[in-house]
N, C-alpha and C. Protein backbone atom coordinates (compact mmCIF):
# COMPACT_ATOMS: atom_id res chain seq x y z
N MET A 1 0.71 -1.18 0.08
CA MET A 1 0.15 -0.01 -0.03
C MET A 1 0.66 1.45 0.07
N SER A 2 0.45 2.23 -0.80
CA SER A 2 1.37 3.48 -1.00
C SER A 2 0.64 4.59 0.02
N ILE A 3 1.75 4.99 0.68
CA ILE A 3 1.36 6.26 1.74
C ILE A 3 0.89 7.32 0.84
N LEU A 4 1.42 7.34 -0.44
CA LEU A 4 1.05 8.52 -1.29
C LEU A 4 -0.44 8.67 -1.84
N GLN A 5 -0.94 7.51 -1.77
CA GLN A 5 -2.38 7.35 -1.98
C GLN A 5 -3.53 7.68 -0.69
N ASP A 6 -2.61 7.51 0.39
CA ASP A 6 -3.46 7.45 1.79
C ASP A 6 -3.37 9.11 2.38
N ARG A 7 -2.12 9.63 2.16
CA ARG A 7 -1.78 10.87 2.78
C ARG A 7 -1.64 11.96 1.81
N LYS A 8 -1.92 13.49 2.49
CA LYS A 8 -1.62 14.38 1.55
C LYS A 8 -0.19 14.77 1.64
N TYR A 9 0.47 15.13 0.58
CA TYR A 9 1.89 15.48 0.63
C TYR A 9 2.08 16.64 -0.49
N THR A 10 3.10 17.10 -0.34
CA THR A 10 3.74 18.33 -1.65
C THR A 10 4.98 17.49 -2.06
N CYS A 11 4.84 17.59 -3.56
CA CYS A 11 6.03 17.15 -4.24
C CYS A 11 6.65 18.43 -4.93
N ARG A 12 8.03 18.39 -4.86
CA ARG A 12 8.80 19.22 -5.57
C ARG A 12 9.99 18.72 -6.43
N VAL A 13 10.29 19.30 -7.46
CA VAL A 13 11.46 18.63 -8.25
C VAL A 13 12.63 19.82 -8.55
N SER A 14 13.56 19.41 -8.88
CA SER A 14 14.61 20.18 -9.06
C SER A 14 14.53 20.98 -10.48
N SER A 15 14.02 20.37 -11.40
CA SER A 15 13.88 20.77 -12.73
C SER A 15 12.90 19.92 -13.55
N THR A 16 12.68 20.44 -14.73
CA THR A 16 11.80 19.57 -15.56
C THR A 16 12.35 19.95 -17.08
N LEU A 17 12.46 18.88 -17.57
CA LEU A 17 13.17 18.91 -19.09
C LEU A 17 12.55 20.29 -20.05
N ASN A 18 13.19 21.14 -20.29
CA ASN A 18 13.04 22.25 -21.08
C ASN A 18 11.82 22.85 -20.58
N ARG A 19 11.45 22.79 -19.42
CA ARG A 19 10.32 23.31 -18.52
C ARG A 19 9.16 22.88 -19.00
N ASP A 20 9.05 21.70 -19.86
CA ASP A 20 7.70 21.07 -20.39
C ASP A 20 6.94 20.39 -19.41
N THR A 21 6.27 21.00 -18.44
CA THR A 21 5.58 20.18 -17.68
C THR A 21 4.45 19.34 -18.07
N LYS A 22 3.90 19.75 -19.28
CA LYS A 22 2.84 18.91 -19.75
C LYS A 22 3.36 17.60 -20.12
N GLN A 23 4.80 17.60 -20.62
CA GLN A 23 4.97 16.10 -21.12
C GLN A 23 5.97 15.44 -19.95
N PHE A 24 6.65 16.16 -19.35
CA PHE A 24 7.74 15.76 -18.37
C PHE A 24 7.34 16.20 -17.09
N GLY A 25 6.52 16.67 -16.38
CA GLY A 25 6.45 17.35 -15.24
C GLY A 25 6.26 16.26 -13.99
N LYS A 26 6.52 16.70 -12.97
CA LYS A 26 6.25 15.97 -11.70
C LYS A 26 5.20 15.03 -11.63
N LYS A 27 3.96 15.41 -12.03
CA LYS A 27 2.78 14.65 -11.82
C LYS A 27 2.99 13.16 -12.30
N PHE A 28 3.98 12.99 -13.36
CA PHE A 28 4.18 11.87 -13.81
C PHE A 28 5.03 10.90 -12.80
N LEU A 29 5.66 11.43 -11.79
CA LEU A 29 6.42 10.41 -11.07
C LEU A 29 5.37 9.57 -10.32
N PHE A 30 4.50 9.67 -10.13
CA PHE A 30 3.16 8.79 -9.54
C PHE A 30 2.12 8.48 -9.96
N ASP A 31 2.17 8.29 -11.61
CA ASP A 31 0.85 8.04 -11.96
C ASP A 31 0.81 6.62 -12.36
N ASN A 32 1.82 5.77 -12.25
CA ASN A 32 1.53 4.27 -12.21
C ASN A 32 1.74 3.85 -13.84
N ARG A 33 2.06 4.96 -14.85
CA ARG A 33 2.03 4.37 -16.27
C ARG A 33 3.75 4.10 -16.68
N GLU A 34 3.59 3.24 -17.24
CA GLU A 34 5.16 2.82 -17.90
C GLU A 34 5.37 3.85 -18.96
N GLU A 35 4.45 4.15 -19.43
CA GLU A 35 4.83 5.28 -20.80
C GLU A 35 5.02 6.42 -20.24
N THR A 36 4.91 7.20 -19.15
CA THR A 36 5.22 8.53 -18.56
C THR A 36 6.32 8.54 -17.54
N CYS A 37 6.94 9.54 -17.58
CA CYS A 37 7.97 9.73 -16.40
C CYS A 37 8.11 11.16 -16.28
N TRP A 38 8.80 11.76 -15.11
CA TRP A 38 9.41 12.92 -15.02
C TRP A 38 10.68 12.78 -15.49
N ASN A 39 11.05 13.83 -16.34
CA ASN A 39 12.40 14.16 -16.78
C ASN A 39 12.70 15.73 -16.20
N SER A 40 14.08 15.35 -15.83
CA SER A 40 14.93 16.64 -15.33
C SER A 40 15.50 17.16 -16.50
N ASP A 41 15.95 18.50 -16.09
CA ASP A 41 17.01 19.01 -17.21
C ASP A 41 18.25 18.19 -17.01
N GLN A 42 19.21 18.53 -17.63
CA GLN A 42 20.63 17.88 -17.63
C GLN A 42 21.44 18.52 -16.37
N GLY A 43 22.35 17.97 -15.90
CA GLY A 43 23.28 18.25 -14.77
C GLY A 43 22.77 17.75 -13.63
N SER A 44 23.74 18.03 -12.54
CA SER A 44 23.66 17.72 -11.27
C SER A 44 23.54 18.96 -10.13
N PRO A 45 23.17 18.71 -9.35
CA PRO A 45 22.20 17.59 -8.61
C PRO A 45 20.68 17.84 -9.32
N GLN A 46 20.35 16.70 -9.40
CA GLN A 46 18.74 16.61 -9.57
C GLN A 46 18.06 16.17 -8.33
N TRP A 47 16.84 16.28 -7.80
CA TRP A 47 16.19 15.94 -6.74
C TRP A 47 14.60 15.87 -6.79
N ILE A 48 14.10 15.09 -5.98
CA ILE A 48 12.62 14.91 -5.90
C ILE A 48 12.62 15.33 -4.26
N SER A 49 11.56 16.26 -3.97
CA SER A 49 11.37 16.27 -2.36
C SER A 49 9.80 16.00 -2.21
N LEU A 50 9.36 15.28 -1.06
CA LEU A 50 8.25 14.82 -0.64
C LEU A 50 8.02 15.50 0.87
N GLU A 51 6.97 16.24 0.78
CA GLU A 51 6.83 16.89 2.19
C GLU A 51 5.38 16.48 2.57
N PHE A 52 5.45 15.96 3.89
CA PHE A 52 4.13 15.56 4.46
C PHE A 52 3.64 16.68 5.57
N PRO A 53 2.70 16.93 5.62
CA PRO A 53 2.16 18.14 6.65
C PRO A 53 2.33 17.25 8.16
N GLU A 54 2.21 16.22 8.39
CA GLU A 54 2.41 15.72 9.76
C GLU A 54 3.45 14.40 9.58
N CYS A 55 3.98 14.12 10.68
CA CYS A 55 4.97 12.76 10.99
C CYS A 55 4.59 11.79 10.16
N THR A 56 5.44 11.16 9.40
CA THR A 56 4.79 10.35 8.42
C THR A 56 6.12 9.07 8.42
N THR A 57 5.73 7.79 8.76
CA THR A 57 6.83 6.85 8.63
C THR A 57 6.87 6.14 7.38
N VAL A 58 7.90 6.09 6.78
CA VAL A 58 8.29 5.47 5.49
C VAL A 58 9.11 4.11 5.88
N SER A 59 8.40 3.03 5.39
CA SER A 59 9.15 1.86 5.82
C SER A 59 10.03 1.32 4.28
N GLY A 60 9.82 1.97 3.39
CA GLY A 60 10.57 1.58 2.27
C GLY A 60 10.09 2.47 0.87
N PHE A 61 10.83 2.55 -0.33
CA PHE A 61 10.39 3.08 -1.29
C PHE A 61 11.00 2.29 -2.52
N ALA A 62 10.42 2.65 -3.72
CA ALA A 62 10.83 2.07 -5.02
C ALA A 62 11.04 3.05 -6.23
N LEU A 63 12.18 2.80 -6.98
CA LEU A 63 12.49 3.87 -7.98
C LEU A 63 12.38 2.98 -9.21
N GLN A 64 12.04 3.82 -10.38
CA GLN A 64 12.17 3.21 -11.59
C GLN A 64 13.01 4.31 -12.78
N PHE A 65 13.89 3.96 -13.18
CA PHE A 65 14.82 4.85 -14.12
C PHE A 65 14.54 4.52 -15.56
N GLN A 66 14.85 5.34 -16.41
CA GLN A 66 14.38 5.16 -17.66
C GLN A 66 16.02 4.39 -18.07
N GLY A 67 16.22 3.54 -18.73
CA GLY A 67 17.51 2.84 -19.00
C GLY A 67 18.46 4.05 -19.69
N GLY A 68 19.62 4.05 -19.05
CA GLY A 68 20.44 5.06 -19.44
C GLY A 68 20.59 6.49 -18.85
N PHE A 69 19.69 6.66 -18.10
CA PHE A 69 19.49 7.81 -17.24
C PHE A 69 19.40 7.60 -15.71
N ALA A 70 19.85 6.70 -15.16
CA ALA A 70 20.14 6.51 -13.65
C ALA A 70 20.75 7.36 -12.95
N GLY A 71 20.35 7.63 -11.81
CA GLY A 71 21.11 8.39 -10.89
C GLY A 71 22.46 7.86 -10.38
N LYS A 72 23.54 8.43 -10.29
CA LYS A 72 24.92 7.94 -9.84
C LYS A 72 25.08 7.90 -8.49
N GLU A 73 24.88 9.15 -7.87
CA GLU A 73 25.04 9.34 -6.40
C GLU A 73 23.68 9.91 -5.89
N CYS A 74 23.15 8.72 -5.25
CA CYS A 74 21.74 8.95 -4.86
C CYS A 74 21.60 8.77 -3.03
N TYR A 75 20.73 9.65 -2.42
CA TYR A 75 20.60 9.28 -1.18
C TYR A 75 19.14 9.90 -1.08
N VAL A 76 18.65 9.65 0.55
CA VAL A 76 17.70 9.95 0.97
C VAL A 76 17.85 10.82 2.27
N GLU A 77 17.21 12.07 2.39
CA GLU A 77 17.26 12.87 3.41
C GLU A 77 15.92 13.15 4.24
N THR A 78 15.90 13.13 5.63
CA THR A 78 14.92 13.46 6.12
C THR A 78 15.09 14.85 6.83
N GLU A 79 13.92 15.59 6.99
CA GLU A 79 13.79 16.92 7.50
C GLU A 79 14.95 17.80 6.42
N GLY A 80 15.00 17.55 5.49
CA GLY A 80 15.71 18.26 4.43
C GLY A 80 17.25 18.38 4.33
N THR A 81 17.73 17.88 5.57
CA THR A 81 19.31 18.04 5.72
C THR A 81 19.97 16.47 6.31
N LEU A 82 19.07 15.80 6.84
CA LEU A 82 19.72 14.54 7.48
C LEU A 82 19.85 13.64 6.68
N LYS A 83 21.06 13.16 6.08
CA LYS A 83 21.17 12.07 5.23
C LYS A 83 21.11 10.63 5.96
N VAL A 84 20.16 9.92 5.51
CA VAL A 84 19.94 8.62 5.99
C VAL A 84 19.99 7.51 5.27
N LEU A 85 20.38 7.43 3.98
CA LEU A 85 20.68 6.33 3.26
C LEU A 85 21.35 6.81 1.92
N ASP A 86 22.26 5.92 1.64
CA ASP A 86 23.05 6.25 0.22
C ASP A 86 22.38 4.90 -0.70
N PHE A 87 22.38 5.12 -1.82
CA PHE A 87 22.06 4.02 -2.69
C PHE A 87 22.20 4.21 -3.86
N TYR A 88 22.59 3.03 -4.56
CA TYR A 88 23.28 2.91 -5.96
C TYR A 88 22.31 2.43 -6.88
N PRO A 89 21.28 2.86 -7.74
CA PRO A 89 20.55 2.25 -8.49
C PRO A 89 21.27 1.55 -9.64
N GLU A 90 20.62 0.42 -10.25
CA GLU A 90 21.18 0.02 -11.45
C GLU A 90 20.80 1.00 -12.71
N ASP A 91 21.41 0.78 -13.67
CA ASP A 91 21.20 1.65 -14.93
C ASP A 91 20.10 0.81 -15.67
N SER A 92 18.92 0.55 -15.43
CA SER A 92 18.06 -0.22 -16.09
C SER A 92 16.61 0.27 -16.16
N ASN A 93 15.75 -0.39 -16.71
CA ASN A 93 14.40 0.30 -16.78
C ASN A 93 13.51 -0.54 -15.88
N LYS A 94 13.96 -1.18 -14.75
CA LYS A 94 13.10 -1.97 -14.16
C LYS A 94 12.93 -1.40 -12.59
N ILE A 95 12.04 -1.69 -11.99
CA ILE A 95 11.62 -1.07 -10.57
C ILE A 95 12.68 -1.76 -9.58
N GLN A 96 13.21 -1.06 -8.74
CA GLN A 96 14.22 -1.27 -7.87
C GLN A 96 14.06 -0.65 -6.32
């Protein structure tokens, strides 16, 4: 069960490819469709921020990158500054 379906949250992203939110916007991060995705502009760092209005426990998460576009230095922060996890995704088009 996804907490994103059960709770209110605010999502922000670092950028959107060519500022084209109709085709590549953050709304495509969580639409559960294989044929859509959020695309950032080029360069680092790129980030996704989820903010919950109340304390929320997250027990896990999954990501799916487009093959050839996987993040290289990835990590999870809480409270916007406390790094709690480094992770190294595979450069593949499967859920990880």
